[in-house]
Amino acid sequence: MKIHKEGYNIIAIAFIIASAVVLGGYYLLGWGLLAKVLAVIAVLIFAFVVRFFRVPKRTSVIDSNLVMASCDGKVVQVREVEEDEYLKTNCIQISVFMSIFNVHVNYYPVGGKVLYSKHHQGAYIVASYPKASVLNERTSIAVETAGGTKVLFRQIAGYIARRIVCYANVGDQVSQCSQVGFIKFGSRMDIFIPAGSEVNVKVGDKVVACETVIAKLK
């Protein structure tokens, strides 16, 4: 299993803590029931941390006319909105919520040139709430495709997530389904596409990054 580089430090710390719990329990309590229970809990938590930073193999769909899911998760919102941060126009917003059990690597939903990338400080309300898009800590990225279509997507921190990692820089030429960043421990992704685009998902659908087509550009 491949591990994402953003997890190296956290996994190392988790290993040290788990080892301390196991060895400390053994030396202080002997190898009795309580020490064994503590050891099992420590190992399970360590295994969860390792699994959280996994990078699975994906068969990416690359098509300049399509918008791909940029993360794994559940669609919690599909609606028409006025995107007033950068695009300044009416858009279709598709929001995907990532639970702590989902893969948390984030990918570019379209390829092209990065026109905009900005991090915003904010709150940490539950990421599935609609207002999290504008109230929570977040990073917004806008990409212009080769065909001239502008798509904005937003990494949003959640109640548990406290760190957004974004690799996008204005002026970068990026490939569809290449990595754009990582959100640690539960979060959400909003994608804003032009009004009139053909949406292929609905609320409640489960999507897989780089494999699920969420929309076709008009």
Protein backbone atom coordinates (compact mmCIF):
# COMPACT_ATOMS: atom_id res chain seq x y z
CA MET A 1 0.00 0.00 0.00
CA LYS A 2 1.40 3.37 -1.00
CA ILE A 3 1.44 6.04 1.70
CA HIS A 4 1.02 9.75 0.93
CA LYS A 5 3.97 11.97 1.83
CA GLU A 6 1.70 14.19 3.96
CA GLY A 7 1.31 11.31 6.37
CA TYR A 8 4.97 10.48 7.05
CA ASN A 9 5.39 12.67 10.15
CA ILE A 10 1.99 11.81 11.63
CA ILE A 11 2.53 8.08 11.08
CA ALA A 12 5.96 8.28 12.73
CA ILE A 13 4.46 10.04 15.76
CA ALA A 14 1.60 7.53 15.92
CA PHE A 15 4.11 4.67 15.82
CA ILE A 16 6.10 6.14 18.71
CA ILE A 17 2.95 6.65 20.79
CA ALA A 18 1.62 3.16 20.01
CA SER A 19 4.98 1.61 20.87
CA ALA A 20 5.10 3.56 24.14
CA VAL A 21 1.61 2.35 25.08
CA VAL A 22 2.43 -1.29 24.31
CA LEU A 23 5.81 -1.32 26.06
CA GLY A 24 4.61 0.85 28.94
CA GLY A 25 1.63 -1.42 29.50
CA TYR A 26 3.88 -4.47 29.51
CA TYR A 27 6.43 -3.08 31.97
CA LEU A 28 3.90 -1.42 34.31
CA LEU A 29 1.05 -3.94 34.20
CA GLY A 30 2.67 -7.13 33.06
CA TRP A 31 1.21 -9.03 30.14
CA GLY A 32 -2.22 -9.25 31.71
CA LEU A 33 -5.65 -8.54 30.26
CA LEU A 34 -5.51 -4.76 30.72
CA ALA A 35 -2.09 -4.50 29.05
CA LYS A 36 -3.32 -6.63 26.15
CA VAL A 37 -6.43 -4.50 25.70
CA LEU A 38 -4.33 -1.31 25.67
CA ALA A 39 -1.95 -2.89 23.16
CA VAL A 40 -4.80 -3.88 20.83
CA ILE A 41 -6.31 -0.39 21.00
CA ALA A 42 -2.93 1.23 20.30
CA VAL A 43 -2.29 -1.03 17.31
CA LEU A 44 -5.77 -0.45 15.87
CA ILE A 45 -5.40 3.34 16.15
CA PHE A 46 -1.97 3.16 14.51
CA ALA A 47 -3.40 1.00 11.70
CA PHE A 48 -6.21 3.53 11.18
CA VAL A 49 -3.71 6.41 10.90
CA VAL A 50 -1.66 4.49 8.34
CA ARG A 51 -4.76 3.59 6.34
CA PHE A 52 -5.98 7.19 6.37
CA PHE A 53 -2.93 8.30 4.37
CA ARG A 54 -3.21 5.54 1.78
CA VAL A 55 -2.93 6.38 -1.93
CA PRO A 56 -4.86 3.75 -3.91
CA LYS A 57 -4.24 2.95 -7.55
CA ARG A 58 -6.83 4.55 -9.81
CA THR A 59 -7.73 4.12 -13.47
CA SER A 60 -8.13 7.80 -14.31
CA VAL A 61 -10.56 9.00 -16.96
CA ILE A 62 -8.93 11.84 -18.94
CA ASP A 63 -11.25 13.89 -21.13
CA SER A 64 -11.21 17.67 -21.55
CA ASN A 65 -15.02 17.73 -21.87
CA LEU A 66 -15.58 15.94 -18.57
CA VAL A 67 -15.37 17.01 -14.92
CA MET A 68 -14.03 14.20 -12.77
CA ALA A 69 -14.61 13.67 -9.05
CA SER A 70 -11.67 15.30 -7.29
CA CYS A 71 -12.02 13.21 -4.12
CA ASP A 72 -13.70 10.11 -2.75
CA GLY A 73 -16.89 10.58 -0.78
CA LYS A 74 -20.62 11.19 -0.84
CA VAL A 75 -22.41 13.89 -2.85
CA VAL A 76 -24.19 16.10 -0.32
CA GLN A 77 -25.22 19.01 -2.52
CA VAL A 78 -26.06 19.77 -6.16
CA ARG A 79 -27.48 23.24 -6.75
CA GLU A 80 -27.27 26.40 -8.82
CA VAL A 81 -25.49 29.25 -7.03
CA GLU A 82 -23.77 32.55 -7.68
CA GLU A 83 -20.05 31.93 -7.27
CA ASP A 84 -18.90 35.29 -6.00
CA GLU A 85 -15.30 34.67 -4.96
CA TYR A 86 -13.63 34.48 -8.36
CA LEU A 87 -15.87 33.34 -11.23
CA LYS A 88 -18.51 35.98 -10.43
CA THR A 89 -21.21 34.15 -12.32
CA ASN A 90 -24.03 31.65 -11.97
CA CYS A 91 -22.69 28.10 -11.56
CA ILE A 92 -23.66 24.59 -10.62
CA GLN A 93 -22.14 23.63 -7.27
CA ILE A 94 -21.42 19.96 -6.61
CA SER A 95 -20.28 19.20 -3.06
CA VAL A 96 -18.68 15.94 -1.92
CA PHE A 97 -18.23 15.10 1.77
CA MET A 98 -15.26 12.96 2.82
CA SER A 99 -15.64 10.99 6.04
CA ILE A 100 -12.62 9.93 8.06
CA PHE A 101 -12.82 6.54 6.33
CA ASN A 102 -12.46 7.92 2.79
CA VAL A 103 -9.21 8.39 0.89
CA HIS A 104 -8.27 12.06 1.40
CA VAL A 105 -5.99 12.72 -1.56
CA ASN A 106 -7.41 15.54 -3.71
CA TYR A 107 -7.09 15.73 -7.50
CA TYR A 108 -7.68 18.28 -10.25
CA PRO A 109 -11.19 17.68 -11.69
CA VAL A 110 -10.09 19.25 -15.01
CA GLY A 111 -6.78 20.02 -16.64
CA GLY A 112 -5.52 23.39 -17.81
CA LYS A 113 -3.96 26.55 -16.40
CA VAL A 114 -4.30 27.56 -12.76
CA LEU A 115 -5.72 31.10 -12.73
CA TYR A 116 -6.40 31.50 -9.03
CA SER A 117 -5.37 29.91 -5.74
CA LYS A 118 -6.19 31.40 -2.37
CA HIS A 119 -6.32 30.12 1.20
CA HIS A 120 -8.94 31.51 3.60
CA GLN A 121 -8.86 31.24 7.37
CA GLY A 122 -12.18 30.26 8.91
CA ALA A 123 -14.20 28.16 11.32
CA TYR A 124 -14.41 24.38 11.68
CA ILE A 125 -18.13 23.55 11.59
CA VAL A 126 -19.22 20.15 10.27
CA ALA A 127 -18.12 20.06 6.62
CA SER A 128 -21.39 18.55 5.36
CA TYR A 129 -23.31 21.70 6.36
CA PRO A 130 -24.03 23.99 3.37
CA LYS A 131 -22.53 27.09 5.03
CA ALA A 132 -19.20 25.34 5.51
CA SER A 133 -18.38 26.40 1.95
CA VAL A 134 -18.05 30.04 3.01
CA LEU A 135 -17.50 29.86 6.79
CA ASN A 136 -14.85 27.16 7.21
CA GLU A 137 -11.13 27.30 6.57
CA ARG A 138 -10.76 26.62 2.86
CA THR A 139 -8.60 26.93 -0.25
CA SER A 140 -10.12 27.89 -3.60
CA ILE A 141 -8.50 27.01 -6.93
CA ALA A 142 -9.67 28.07 -10.40
CA VAL A 143 -8.51 26.31 -13.57
CA GLU A 144 -9.11 27.33 -17.18
CA THR A 145 -9.34 24.35 -19.53
CA ALA A 146 -7.79 24.25 -22.98
CA GLY A 147 -11.25 25.06 -24.34
CA GLY A 148 -11.47 28.24 -22.28
CA THR A 149 -13.92 26.99 -19.65
CA LYS A 150 -13.23 28.09 -16.07
CA VAL A 151 -13.87 25.67 -13.22
CA LEU A 152 -13.41 26.55 -9.56
CA PHE A 153 -13.07 23.99 -6.81
CA ARG A 154 -12.66 24.43 -3.09
CA GLN A 155 -10.97 22.32 -0.41
CA ILE A 156 -12.90 22.80 2.83
CA ALA A 157 -11.76 21.84 6.33
CA GLY A 158 -14.28 20.21 8.65
CA TYR A 159 -15.00 19.74 12.34
CA ILE A 160 -12.12 17.29 12.73
CA ALA A 161 -9.93 18.37 9.80
CA ARG A 162 -7.51 21.12 10.79
CA ARG A 163 -5.03 21.20 7.96
CA ILE A 164 -5.48 21.76 4.23
CA VAL A 165 -2.52 21.08 1.96
CA CYS A 166 -2.65 22.60 -1.53
CA TYR A 167 0.02 22.35 -4.22
CA ALA A 168 -1.62 24.71 -6.76
CA ASN A 169 0.26 27.82 -7.86
CA VAL A 170 -1.09 30.49 -10.20
CA GLY A 171 0.31 29.96 -13.68
CA ASP A 172 0.81 26.19 -13.33
CA GLN A 173 -0.19 24.00 -16.24
CA VAL A 174 -1.86 21.01 -14.62
CA SER A 175 -3.15 17.66 -15.80
CA GLN A 176 -6.61 16.37 -15.11
CA CYS A 177 -6.56 13.88 -12.20
CA SER A 178 -3.08 14.90 -11.03
CA GLN A 179 -2.75 15.56 -7.29
CA VAL A 180 -3.70 19.03 -6.06
CA GLY A 181 -3.43 18.42 -2.32
CA PHE A 182 -4.63 16.66 0.79
CA ILE A 183 -7.05 17.42 3.65
CA LYS A 184 -6.30 15.74 6.94
CA PHE A 185 -9.05 13.89 8.84
CA GLY A 186 -12.50 14.58 7.41
CA SER A 187 -13.52 17.36 5.04
CA ARG A 188 -15.37 18.41 1.89
CA MET A 189 -14.77 19.43 -1.72
CA ASP A 190 -16.95 21.88 -3.66
CA ILE A 191 -16.73 22.10 -7.45
CA PHE A 192 -18.28 25.00 -9.37
CA ILE A 193 -18.94 24.39 -13.06
CA PRO A 194 -20.69 26.57 -15.67
CA ALA A 195 -24.47 26.70 -15.55
CA GLY A 196 -25.90 24.53 -18.30
CA SER A 197 -23.35 21.77 -17.84
CA GLU A 198 -24.69 18.22 -17.78
CA VAL A 199 -24.55 16.89 -14.20
CA ASN A 200 -24.06 13.14 -13.88
CA VAL A 201 -24.48 12.74 -10.11
CA LYS A 202 -27.16 13.39 -7.52
CA VAL A 203 -27.29 13.88 -3.76
CA GLY A 204 -26.49 10.63 -1.99
CA ASP A 205 -24.27 9.20 -4.73
CA LYS A 206 -20.86 7.78 -3.76
CA VAL A 207 -18.04 9.01 -6.00
CA VAL A 208 -14.47 7.85 -6.57
CA ALA A 209 -11.74 10.35 -7.37
CA CYS A 210 -10.53 10.29 -11.00
CA GLU A 211 -12.94 7.49 -11.90
CA THR A 212 -16.42 9.00 -11.42
CA VAL A 213 -17.60 11.48 -14.05
CA ILE A 214 -19.56 14.10 -12.15
CA ALA A 215 -20.40 16.39 -15.08
CA LYS A 216 -19.94 17.12 -18.78
CA LEU A 217 -19.06 20.68 -19.72
CA LYS A 218 -21.43 22.42 -22.10
